[in-house]
Amino acid sequence: MLKNRYIILVEDDEIMGASLLQRLELEGAQVLWLKQMFRALGAIRTPKQPIDAVICDIGLPDGSGEELFATLAQSKCRTRCKFLIPVLSSKPAGIGLSGSAIA
């Protein structure tokens, strides 16, 4: 299903990151796992190949997923991809996804 897709995963929690990495790779994706916002900024601004999606934790040791997205959106970054930030919600499902494209 995700064969030949390049995904950047930004998650500092070892257990969550390893679980997501394993699942995405089982689905056929090529995944770059980063644990810091500033490393992710560089990887997204100058990707090794076109990025299909960024999956980003909301809370990182050196910033937030929202801050990462805002920084990229305000910069001259021309990388286009889907950007997903899981956030807690008061909805019964418990989790909402916020997605957008980087212009």
Protein backbone atom coordinates (compact mmCIF):
# COMPACT_ATOMS: atom_id res chain seq x y z
CA MET A 1 0.00 0.00 0.00
CA LEU A 2 2.84 2.45 0.78
CA LYS A 3 5.36 0.87 -1.59
CA ASN A 4 7.91 3.37 -2.88
CA ARG A 5 6.58 6.18 -0.64
CA TYR A 6 9.12 8.32 1.21
CA ILE A 7 7.93 9.39 4.66
CA ILE A 8 9.69 11.51 7.25
CA LEU A 9 8.73 10.51 10.78
CA VAL A 10 9.46 13.08 13.51
CA GLU A 11 8.94 11.39 16.89
CA ASP A 12 11.16 11.56 19.98
CA ASP A 13 9.52 8.73 21.93
CA GLU A 14 11.45 5.49 21.33
CA ILE A 15 8.49 3.14 21.71
CA MET A 16 6.06 5.17 19.59
CA GLY A 17 8.70 5.90 16.95
CA ALA A 18 9.80 2.28 16.68
CA SER A 19 6.19 1.13 16.39
CA LEU A 20 5.37 3.64 13.66
CA LEU A 21 8.60 2.90 11.82
CA GLN A 22 7.95 -0.83 11.88
CA ARG A 23 4.37 -0.46 10.66
CA LEU A 24 5.23 1.97 7.86
CA GLU A 25 8.09 -0.23 6.67
CA LEU A 26 5.85 -3.32 6.75
CA GLU A 27 3.53 -1.43 4.41
CA GLY A 28 6.46 -0.82 2.04
CA ALA A 29 7.38 2.79 2.83
CA GLN A 30 10.90 4.11 3.01
CA VAL A 31 11.06 6.00 6.32
CA LEU A 32 13.50 8.54 7.72
CA TRP A 33 13.00 8.70 11.49
CA LEU A 34 14.16 11.90 13.19
CA LYS A 35 13.83 12.79 16.86
CA GLN A 36 14.42 16.55 16.82
CA MET A 37 12.63 19.45 15.15
CA PHE A 38 15.79 21.11 13.86
CA ARG A 39 17.04 17.91 12.22
CA ALA A 40 13.63 17.51 10.61
CA LEU A 41 13.78 21.09 9.28
CA GLY A 42 16.98 20.31 7.41
CA ALA A 43 15.74 16.97 6.10
CA ILE A 44 12.51 18.50 4.80
CA ARG A 45 14.17 21.58 3.29
CA THR A 46 16.80 19.50 1.46
CA PRO A 47 15.29 16.03 0.96
CA LYS A 48 17.24 13.12 -0.54
CA GLN A 49 14.19 12.37 -2.67
CA PRO A 50 10.63 13.71 -3.01
CA ILE A 51 8.73 13.46 0.30
CA ASP A 52 5.25 11.92 0.22
CA ALA A 53 4.37 12.69 3.84
CA VAL A 54 5.67 14.04 7.13
CA ILE A 55 4.26 12.46 10.29
CA CYS A 56 5.19 14.63 13.25
CA ASP A 57 4.72 14.43 17.01
CA ILE A 58 3.20 17.53 18.55
CA GLY A 59 5.74 17.69 21.41
CA LEU A 60 9.46 17.45 20.61
CA PRO A 61 12.47 18.17 22.83
CA ASP A 62 13.46 21.26 20.82
CA GLY A 63 10.08 22.55 19.63
CA SER A 64 6.69 21.32 18.48
CA GLY A 65 5.14 19.82 15.39
CA GLU A 66 3.12 22.99 14.95
CA GLU A 67 6.28 25.10 15.16
CA LEU A 68 7.98 22.86 12.58
CA PHE A 69 5.06 23.27 10.17
CA ALA A 70 4.83 27.03 10.74
CA THR A 71 8.57 27.50 10.21
CA LEU A 72 8.45 25.59 6.92
CA ALA A 73 5.31 27.40 5.76
CA GLN A 74 6.90 30.82 6.42
CA SER A 75 10.23 29.95 4.81
CA LYS A 76 11.04 29.68 1.15
CA CYS A 77 10.90 25.89 1.40
CA ARG A 78 9.42 24.50 -1.82
CA THR A 79 9.11 20.90 -0.67
CA ARG A 80 5.49 19.80 -1.14
CA CYS A 81 4.11 16.98 0.97
CA LYS A 82 1.27 16.02 3.28
CA PHE A 83 1.97 17.06 6.86
CA LEU A 84 0.20 15.12 9.61
CA ILE A 85 0.27 16.11 13.26
CA PRO A 86 -1.71 13.87 15.63
CA VAL A 87 -3.39 15.96 18.31
CA LEU A 88 -5.54 15.12 21.29
CA SER A 89 -9.15 16.02 20.81
CA SER A 90 -12.26 16.19 22.93
CA LYS A 91 -14.06 14.13 20.29
CA PRO A 92 -15.09 10.60 21.38
CA ALA A 93 -12.52 9.02 19.05
CA GLY A 94 -9.80 10.68 21.13
CA ILE A 95 -7.44 11.53 18.28
CA GLY A 96 -7.71 13.96 15.41
CA LEU A 97 -5.36 14.43 12.48
CA SER A 98 -4.49 17.79 11.06
CA GLY A 99 -3.21 17.66 7.50
CA SER A 100 -2.00 20.28 5.10
CA ALA A 101 0.38 20.77 2.22
CA ILE A 102 3.55 22.81 2.44
CA ALA A 103 3.55 25.52 -0.22
